[in-house]
Amino acid sequence: MQTRVGVSRVGPSLAGPEEHRSFGPADSPFRIHLLNGFARQYTAYERDGAFSLKWVPRGRARYSVDRLHHQLAGHKVLLLQAGQPYEIAFLDRSGTESFCLFFSEALLSEALAASEIEAGGRHSQQYVDMVFMPSHGLTSILSWLRSHALTLNRDPGRAEEILLSLLGDLTLIRREHRSLAAAIPAQRPATRRRLLSSVQRAKEMIDDYQGRPPPLEELARATGLSKFHFLRTFKATFNASPMEYAERRRIERGQHLLQQSRSSVGAIAEQLGWESQSAFTKAFRRHIGITPREFRKG
């Protein structure tokens, strides 16, 4: 085993005493730290953070990065690059739990280099912060690590394998994210990263709405861009306009509701913000090729 792994469970709302454990070679530059924090009201500023993944399985937290605010609660995670300043605020007075993984620069560099070699490209550590919905597999790994954090030292080889595999998955996500930044219509890399972070925030807002999405003016205002600049940047990034993307997400939610609930087609249409069942049916057929009733019947 070459990786040094540390685990901490801390915070004023932790039930019981704080716990700190570590295993692996103490002098290794390849380090991973798992931090499980518990608090009701908490704020902190990190000026020079490590490459890290932030998850809030219980409660709510706000991460402020480059003048943008990312809300985390349950199903989304935030990926921050090394050296990226951020501020965190726990927002739920009933209690918030965060679960974070931090990776040392030496370990990150090795993982990124391997990722770029596989892709036939050049290694670069520069990319923007990103909030995304993790896959079922990634969610399962995070949940398992959260549940078994304090017993990872019982099988250090297996723990190292799981953590390094997770880091490998994150570098692949990072590579896909960087390809999105390359599509941004701007010359300077720093500008492309900033614009990508802005339109990612608008995409988050659309993903968070269960019904009709926020109006264009509200989305543009959240990004700090003009409506025209926002529209052009969003479409160049995601190959769809904000409203096209929003409709696609509503159709995906409709598919889930048709499969998992007993609600009528009309009730689902109303829940998703369509003005009528016929409008929902028309949009559903355009995207899926069949009507909602036909889809439900299989």
Foldseek 3Di string as FASTA:
>chain_A
DQEKEKEWEDEPPDDDDIDIDIDHDPPHLWYKYKYKYKYQWDKDKDQWAAFKKKAKQDAWKWKAFPNAIDIHYRFKMKTAHTGTIIMMTGDHNVMIIMIMMGTGPVLLQVLQCVVCVVVVHDGDRDAAMAMDGDDPVLVVLSVVCVVCVVPCVVPVVVSVVSVSVSSNVVSVVVVVRVVLLVLFPDDDSVVSRLQSVLLNSLVVQLLPDQAQGDDLVVSCVSSVHDSVSSQVRNCSRPVDGSNRVSLVSNLVVLLVCLAPHPDDLQVSCVRRHHPGSVVVQVSNCVVPVHGSVVSSVD
